[in-house]
N, C-alpha and C. Protein backbone atom coordinates (compact mmCIF):
# COMPACT_ATOMS: atom_id res chain seq x y z
N UNK A 1 -9.25 -52.50 -19.31
CA UNK A 1 -9.20 -53.63 -19.01
C UNK A 1 -9.73 -54.15 -17.43
N UNK A 2 -9.95 -52.84 -16.79
CA UNK A 2 -10.76 -52.75 -15.42
C UNK A 2 -11.72 -53.25 -15.72
N UNK A 3 -12.80 -52.75 -16.61
CA UNK A 3 -14.15 -53.58 -17.00
C UNK A 3 -14.09 -54.74 -16.77
N UNK A 4 -13.31 -55.74 -17.55
CA UNK A 4 -13.19 -57.08 -17.60
C UNK A 4 -12.44 -57.75 -16.62
N UNK A 5 -11.44 -56.83 -15.74
CA UNK A 5 -10.83 -57.85 -14.69
C UNK A 5 -10.98 -57.08 -13.55
N UNK A 6 -10.41 -57.91 -12.21
CA UNK A 6 -10.40 -57.41 -11.20
C UNK A 6 -9.17 -55.77 -11.15
N UNK A 7 -9.18 -54.94 -10.54
CA UNK A 7 -8.30 -54.22 -10.05
C UNK A 7 -7.19 -55.10 -9.31
N UNK A 8 -7.64 -55.98 -8.16
CA UNK A 8 -6.30 -56.48 -7.71
C UNK A 8 -5.56 -57.80 -8.39
N UNK A 9 -6.09 -58.46 -9.54
CA UNK A 9 -5.60 -59.31 -10.28
C UNK A 9 -4.45 -58.57 -11.32
N UNK A 10 -4.89 -57.49 -11.97
CA UNK A 10 -3.84 -56.64 -12.97
C UNK A 10 -2.95 -55.79 -11.88
N UNK A 11 -3.08 -55.55 -10.68
CA UNK A 11 -1.99 -54.94 -10.33
C UNK A 11 -1.03 -56.27 -9.90
N UNK A 12 -1.39 -56.96 -9.51
CA UNK A 12 -0.75 -58.47 -9.55
C UNK A 12 0.22 -58.85 -10.80
N UNK A 13 -0.43 -58.86 -11.63
CA UNK A 13 0.56 -59.16 -13.00
C UNK A 13 1.36 -58.21 -13.12
N UNK A 14 0.77 -56.60 -12.28
CA UNK A 14 1.65 -55.52 -13.18
C UNK A 14 3.14 -55.58 -12.33
N UNK A 15 2.74 -56.37 -11.03
CA UNK A 15 3.49 -56.06 -9.70
C UNK A 15 3.35 -54.53 -8.81
N UNK A 16 2.53 -53.96 -9.14
CA UNK A 16 2.49 -52.68 -8.72
C UNK A 16 1.28 -52.46 -7.37
N UNK A 17 2.05 -51.75 -6.66
CA UNK A 17 0.97 -51.59 -5.48
C UNK A 17 -0.01 -50.92 -5.84
N UNK A 18 -0.87 -50.85 -4.76
CA UNK A 18 -2.46 -50.16 -5.19
C UNK A 18 -2.43 -49.05 -4.66
N UNK A 19 -1.49 -48.53 -3.76
CA UNK A 19 -1.12 -46.70 -3.73
C UNK A 19 -0.67 -46.35 -4.70
N UNK A 20 0.76 -46.96 -5.68
CA UNK A 20 0.71 -46.09 -6.53
C UNK A 20 -0.01 -46.11 -7.89
N UNK A 21 -0.65 -47.20 -8.29
CA UNK A 21 -1.89 -46.70 -9.01
C UNK A 21 -2.90 -45.83 -8.86
N UNK A 22 -3.55 -45.64 -7.74
CA UNK A 22 -4.61 -44.56 -7.56
C UNK A 22 -3.35 -43.32 -7.69
N UNK A 23 -2.14 -43.17 -6.54
CA UNK A 23 -1.31 -42.05 -6.89
C UNK A 23 -1.32 -41.35 -8.62
N UNK A 24 -1.23 -42.50 -9.12
CA UNK A 24 -0.67 -41.96 -11.10
C UNK A 24 -1.89 -40.90 -11.64
N UNK A 25 -3.25 -42.39 -10.96
CA UNK A 25 -4.57 -41.80 -11.66
C UNK A 25 -4.93 -40.24 -10.86
N UNK A 26 -4.61 -40.18 -9.92
CA UNK A 26 -5.14 -38.83 -9.12
C UNK A 26 -4.04 -37.80 -9.94
N UNK A 27 -2.99 -38.12 -10.92
CA UNK A 27 -2.13 -36.93 -10.89
C UNK A 27 -2.79 -36.55 -12.39
N UNK A 28 -3.42 -37.65 -12.83
CA UNK A 28 -4.38 -36.83 -14.12
C UNK A 28 -5.43 -36.24 -13.95
N UNK A 29 -6.14 -36.10 -12.69
CA UNK A 29 -7.23 -35.83 -12.27
C UNK A 29 -6.94 -33.96 -11.91
N UNK A 30 -5.60 -33.52 -11.55
CA UNK A 30 -4.98 -32.05 -11.09
C UNK A 30 -5.52 -31.06 -12.02
N UNK A 31 -6.17 -30.13 -11.36
CA UNK A 31 -6.86 -29.12 -11.93
C UNK A 31 -5.70 -28.10 -11.39
N UNK A 32 -5.51 -26.79 -12.17
CA UNK A 32 -4.95 -25.78 -11.36
C UNK A 32 -5.85 -24.84 -11.08
N UNK A 33 -5.75 -24.55 -9.73
CA UNK A 33 -6.45 -23.98 -8.59
C UNK A 33 -6.38 -22.50 -9.01
N UNK A 34 -5.20 -22.12 -9.41
CA UNK A 34 -4.60 -20.46 -9.87
C UNK A 34 -4.66 -20.25 -11.19
N UNK A 35 -5.53 -21.20 -11.90
CA UNK A 35 -5.12 -20.99 -13.36
C UNK A 35 -5.82 -19.15 -13.60
N UNK A 36 -7.05 -18.88 -12.90
CA UNK A 36 -7.47 -17.80 -13.23
C UNK A 36 -6.57 -16.32 -12.49
N UNK A 37 -5.86 -16.70 -11.52
CA UNK A 37 -5.11 -15.73 -10.90
C UNK A 37 -3.43 -15.69 -12.05
N UNK A 38 -2.96 -16.73 -12.17
CA UNK A 38 -1.93 -16.72 -13.21
C UNK A 38 -2.23 -15.85 -14.67
N UNK A 39 -3.67 -15.43 -14.71
CA UNK A 39 -4.39 -15.41 -16.02
C UNK A 39 -4.13 -13.65 -15.93
N UNK A 40 -4.54 -13.27 -14.59
CA UNK A 40 -4.50 -11.67 -13.89
C UNK A 40 -3.44 -11.32 -14.24
N UNK A 41 -2.00 -12.06 -13.35
CA UNK A 41 -0.89 -11.69 -13.59
C UNK A 41 -0.07 -11.49 -15.01
N UNK A 42 -0.72 -12.41 -15.84
CA UNK A 42 -0.05 -12.62 -16.73
C UNK A 42 -0.30 -10.99 -17.84
N UNK A 43 -1.86 -10.95 -17.50
CA UNK A 43 -2.14 -9.72 -18.13
C UNK A 43 -1.83 -8.49 -17.76
N UNK A 44 -1.49 -8.28 -16.19
CA UNK A 44 -0.70 -7.34 -15.59
C UNK A 44 0.50 -6.76 -16.31
N UNK A 45 1.34 -8.36 -16.62
CA UNK A 45 2.70 -8.20 -16.48
C UNK A 45 2.86 -7.36 -17.84
N UNK A 46 1.95 -7.94 -18.74
CA UNK A 46 2.13 -7.47 -20.20
C UNK A 46 1.43 -5.88 -20.58
N UNK A 47 0.76 -5.94 -19.72
CA UNK A 47 -0.09 -4.32 -20.00
C UNK A 47 0.84 -3.61 -19.22
N UNK A 48 1.83 -3.80 -18.44
CA UNK A 48 2.79 -2.90 -18.09
C UNK A 48 4.31 -3.04 -18.55
N UNK A 49 3.93 -3.73 -19.97
CA UNK A 49 5.36 -3.90 -20.77
C UNK A 49 6.94 -4.67 -19.87
N UNK A 50 6.49 -5.33 -19.00
CA UNK A 50 6.95 -6.49 -18.14
C UNK A 50 8.21 -5.47 -17.14
N UNK A 51 7.43 -4.30 -16.71
CA UNK A 51 8.02 -3.85 -15.64
C UNK A 51 7.56 -3.88 -14.12
N UNK A 52 6.70 -4.67 -14.11
CA UNK A 52 6.27 -5.06 -12.92
C UNK A 52 6.74 -6.02 -12.56
N UNK A 53 7.41 -6.48 -11.24
CA UNK A 53 7.60 -7.31 -10.51
C UNK A 53 6.60 -7.97 -9.38
N UNK A 54 6.55 -8.78 -8.67
CA UNK A 54 5.93 -9.44 -7.98
C UNK A 54 5.13 -8.44 -7.34
N UNK A 55 5.94 -7.28 -6.50
CA UNK A 55 5.25 -6.42 -5.87
C UNK A 55 4.32 -6.01 -6.14
N UNK A 56 4.61 -5.27 -7.30
CA UNK A 56 3.89 -4.19 -7.76
C UNK A 56 2.53 -4.91 -8.34
N UNK A 57 2.44 -5.94 -8.72
CA UNK A 57 1.67 -6.97 -9.15
C UNK A 57 1.22 -7.11 -7.96
N UNK A 58 1.39 -7.52 -6.85
CA UNK A 58 0.14 -7.89 -5.89
C UNK A 58 -0.73 -6.48 -5.48
N UNK A 59 0.33 -5.34 -5.70
CA UNK A 59 -0.46 -4.04 -5.11
C UNK A 59 -1.52 -3.97 -6.35
N UNK A 60 -1.19 -4.37 -7.45
CA UNK A 60 -2.25 -3.76 -8.35
C UNK A 60 -3.23 -4.83 -8.45
N UNK A 61 -3.34 -6.04 -8.02
CA UNK A 61 -4.40 -6.96 -7.99
C UNK A 61 -5.25 -6.62 -6.36
N UNK A 62 -4.70 -5.89 -5.40
CA UNK A 62 -5.29 -5.76 -4.31
C UNK A 62 -6.34 -4.59 -4.91
N UNK A 63 -5.76 -3.54 -5.58
CA UNK A 63 -6.48 -2.51 -6.12
C UNK A 63 -7.86 -2.85 -7.14
N UNK A 64 -7.84 -4.35 -7.56
CA UNK A 64 -8.28 -4.82 -8.74
C UNK A 64 -9.64 -5.52 -7.51
N UNK A 65 -8.93 -5.72 -6.16
CA UNK A 65 -9.80 -6.30 -5.27
C UNK A 65 -9.43 -8.32 -5.03
N UNK A 66 -8.65 -8.05 -5.94
CA UNK A 66 -8.15 -10.16 -5.78
C UNK A 66 -6.91 -9.80 -4.22
N UNK A 67 -6.97 -10.26 -3.23
CA UNK A 67 -6.39 -10.14 -2.04
C UNK A 67 -5.47 -11.99 -2.29
N UNK A 68 -4.34 -11.45 -2.83
CA UNK A 68 -3.51 -12.97 -2.35
C UNK A 68 -2.15 -12.05 -1.89
N UNK A 69 -1.34 -13.49 -1.12
CA UNK A 69 -0.10 -13.28 -0.48
C UNK A 69 0.95 -12.79 -1.20
N UNK A 70 1.33 -12.40 -1.37
CA UNK A 70 2.68 -11.35 -2.16
C UNK A 70 4.19 -12.88 -2.42
N UNK A 71 3.91 -13.46 -1.35
CA UNK A 71 4.78 -15.28 -1.78
C UNK A 71 3.85 -15.71 -2.48
N UNK A 72 2.98 -15.59 -2.68
CA UNK A 72 1.87 -16.69 -3.40
C UNK A 72 2.25 -16.13 -4.97
N UNK A 73 2.16 -14.66 -5.07
CA UNK A 73 2.34 -13.87 -6.29
C UNK A 73 3.67 -14.62 -7.04
N UNK A 74 4.91 -14.28 -6.01
CA UNK A 74 6.15 -14.48 -6.40
C UNK A 74 6.41 -15.98 -7.12
N UNK A 75 5.90 -16.90 -6.55
CA UNK A 75 6.19 -18.17 -6.63
C UNK A 75 5.33 -18.42 -8.21
N UNK A 76 4.33 -18.11 -8.52
CA UNK A 76 3.52 -18.22 -9.69
C UNK A 76 4.25 -17.53 -10.86
N UNK A 77 4.50 -16.05 -10.46
CA UNK A 77 5.82 -15.55 -11.55
C UNK A 77 6.67 -16.07 -11.78
N UNK A 78 7.56 -16.75 -10.89
CA UNK A 78 8.96 -17.80 -10.92
C UNK A 78 8.10 -19.13 -12.00
N UNK A 79 7.03 -19.51 -11.94
CA UNK A 79 6.83 -20.69 -12.41
C UNK A 79 6.24 -20.21 -14.07
N UNK A 80 5.69 -18.88 -13.87
CA UNK A 80 5.40 -18.72 -15.55
C UNK A 80 6.70 -17.97 -15.87
N UNK A 81 7.83 -17.84 -15.39
CA UNK A 81 8.84 -17.24 -16.07
C UNK A 81 8.97 -15.76 -16.16
N UNK A 82 8.06 -14.84 -15.33
CA UNK A 82 7.97 -13.78 -15.73
C UNK A 82 8.81 -12.56 -14.51
N UNK A 83 9.45 -11.90 -14.74
CA UNK A 83 10.36 -11.08 -14.18
C UNK A 83 10.36 -10.07 -14.71
N UNK A 84 10.83 -9.01 -13.81
CA UNK A 84 10.83 -7.43 -14.12
C UNK A 84 12.05 -7.21 -14.74
N UNK A 85 12.14 -6.29 -15.66
CA UNK A 85 12.94 -5.72 -16.52
C UNK A 85 13.58 -4.93 -15.75
N UNK A 86 14.81 -5.11 -15.44
CA UNK A 86 15.33 -4.19 -14.08
C UNK A 86 16.49 -3.00 -15.44
N UNK A 87 16.34 -1.89 -15.01
CA UNK A 87 16.78 -0.54 -16.19
C UNK A 87 18.16 -0.63 -15.36
N UNK A 88 19.46 -1.10 -15.92
CA UNK A 88 20.98 -0.94 -15.20
C UNK A 88 20.86 0.53 -15.08
N UNK A 89 21.82 0.71 -13.63
CA UNK A 89 22.39 2.35 -14.02
C UNK A 89 23.97 2.19 -13.83
N UNK A 90 24.31 3.42 -14.92
CA UNK A 90 25.90 3.51 -15.00
C UNK A 90 26.19 3.82 -13.41
N UNK A 91 27.49 3.59 -13.06
CA UNK A 91 28.30 3.90 -12.39
C UNK A 91 28.70 5.35 -12.51
N UNK A 92 28.13 6.13 -11.37
CA UNK A 92 28.94 7.40 -11.44
C UNK A 92 29.86 7.79 -10.55
N UNK A 93 30.80 7.84 -10.54
CA UNK A 93 32.33 8.39 -9.23
C UNK A 93 32.08 9.66 -8.65
N UNK A 94 32.05 10.59 -9.58
CA UNK A 94 32.13 12.03 -9.62
C UNK A 94 31.21 12.63 -8.46
N UNK A 95 31.51 12.66 -7.65
CA UNK A 95 29.98 13.76 -6.49
C UNK A 95 30.02 14.88 -6.20
N UNK A 96 31.53 15.69 -6.72
CA UNK A 96 31.57 17.15 -6.76
C UNK A 96 32.43 17.01 -5.08
N UNK A 97 32.91 18.56 -4.64
CA UNK A 97 33.57 18.04 -3.65
C UNK A 97 32.79 17.61 -2.15
N UNK A 98 33.32 16.89 -1.93
CA UNK A 98 32.54 15.98 -0.89
C UNK A 98 33.17 16.15 0.66
N UNK A 99 32.77 16.68 1.83
CA UNK A 99 33.39 17.25 2.68
C UNK A 99 34.89 17.78 2.71
N UNK A 100 35.72 18.11 3.81
CA UNK A 100 36.84 18.99 3.89
C UNK A 100 38.17 18.19 3.24
N UNK A 101 38.95 18.55 2.42
CA UNK A 101 39.99 18.25 2.13
C UNK A 101 40.80 19.09 3.31
N UNK A 102 41.88 17.75 3.59
CA UNK A 102 43.01 17.85 4.77
C UNK A 102 43.92 18.59 4.16
N UNK A 103 44.80 19.30 4.69
CA UNK A 103 45.99 19.77 5.00
C UNK A 103 47.58 18.88 4.22
N UNK A 104 47.90 19.28 3.31
CA UNK A 104 49.31 18.07 2.72
C UNK A 104 50.49 18.63 3.50
N UNK A 105 50.15 17.94 4.68
CA UNK A 105 51.49 18.18 5.78
C UNK A 105 52.51 17.34 5.16
N UNK A 106 52.64 16.53 4.38
CA UNK A 106 54.15 15.71 3.99
C UNK A 106 54.59 16.03 2.53
N UNK A 107 53.70 16.82 1.90
CA UNK A 107 54.16 17.62 0.51
C UNK A 107 55.31 16.39 -0.20
N UNK A 108 54.34 14.84 0.18
CA UNK A 108 55.47 13.52 -0.82
C UNK A 108 56.43 13.49 0.03
N UNK A 109 56.65 13.84 0.48
CA UNK A 109 57.91 13.12 2.04
C UNK A 109 57.61 12.23 2.38
N UNK A 110 57.91 11.12 2.21
CA UNK A 110 57.27 10.00 2.78
C UNK A 110 58.40 9.38 3.83
N UNK A 111 59.18 9.79 3.78
CA UNK A 111 60.82 9.02 4.05
C UNK A 111 60.35 10.25 5.86
N UNK A 112 60.63 8.79 7.11
CA UNK A 112 60.77 9.69 8.85
C UNK A 112 61.86 8.90 8.97
N UNK A 113 62.17 9.65 10.13
CA UNK A 113 63.92 9.50 10.64
C UNK A 113 63.76 8.43 11.50
N UNK A 114 62.65 8.40 12.21
CA UNK A 114 62.56 7.24 13.38
C UNK A 114 60.95 6.64 12.60
N UNK A 115 60.85 5.57 13.62
CA UNK A 115 59.36 5.11 13.41
C UNK A 115 58.19 5.80 14.32
N UNK A 116 56.90 5.50 13.91
CA UNK A 116 55.78 6.04 14.47
C UNK A 116 55.73 7.16 14.21
N UNK A 117 56.67 7.96 12.99
CA UNK A 117 56.84 9.56 13.52
C UNK A 117 55.49 9.88 11.92
N UNK A 118 55.50 9.04 11.16
CA UNK A 118 54.49 9.43 9.83
C UNK A 118 53.45 8.10 9.80
N UNK A 119 52.11 8.68 10.20
CA UNK A 119 51.01 7.24 9.59
C UNK A 119 50.42 7.78 8.65
N UNK A 120 50.07 7.05 7.62
CA UNK A 120 49.17 7.49 6.38
C UNK A 120 47.81 5.85 6.38
N UNK A 121 46.87 6.52 5.60
CA UNK A 121 46.02 5.76 4.94
C UNK A 121 45.52 6.36 4.10
N UNK A 122 44.82 5.31 2.95
CA UNK A 122 44.25 5.75 1.93
C UNK A 122 42.79 5.43 2.23
N UNK A 123 41.69 6.39 2.31
CA UNK A 123 40.20 6.40 2.34
C UNK A 123 39.45 6.44 1.15
N UNK A 124 40.05 6.11 0.04
CA UNK A 124 39.26 5.95 -1.51
C UNK A 124 38.69 5.05 -1.11
N UNK A 125 37.38 4.85 -1.96
CA UNK A 125 36.05 3.87 -1.74
C UNK A 125 35.50 3.59 -3.50
N UNK A 126 35.62 2.70 -3.90
CA UNK A 126 35.33 2.15 -5.03
C UNK A 126 34.18 1.28 -5.20
N UNK A 127 32.68 1.95 -5.39
CA UNK A 127 31.38 0.57 -5.47
C UNK A 127 31.65 0.26 -7.20
N UNK A 128 31.59 -0.98 -6.63
CA UNK A 128 31.24 -1.84 -8.11
C UNK A 128 30.34 -2.79 -7.99
N UNK A 129 29.80 -3.24 -8.97
CA UNK A 129 28.58 -4.01 -9.11
C UNK A 129 28.52 -5.39 -8.68
């Protein structure tokens, strides 16, 4: 309708500000300036079977001669929903004999005749995910 009527008349009828019209018109013309980079990231990610995170992708791109900030690579990978597959490690608590084993002075006789005679503590450590 812009060819037949002036823009200001159309905006008055639609009760729309001129800035809103130009804002929405601009949104249609937006080109992805990182399209080539996204393509390279995707190829690297799938070439290495999804094992590469943003740090290794950034390093691989630098080897190819494409120098980009690691934050940009991380942002683009988040947008494309690409994340490294992390292999879970099983918890292994046994490490063999660690340090020096203290002498057993109490021999399970925990009763003391008066206060502050026997002080005990437990130094067991549990690592959990």
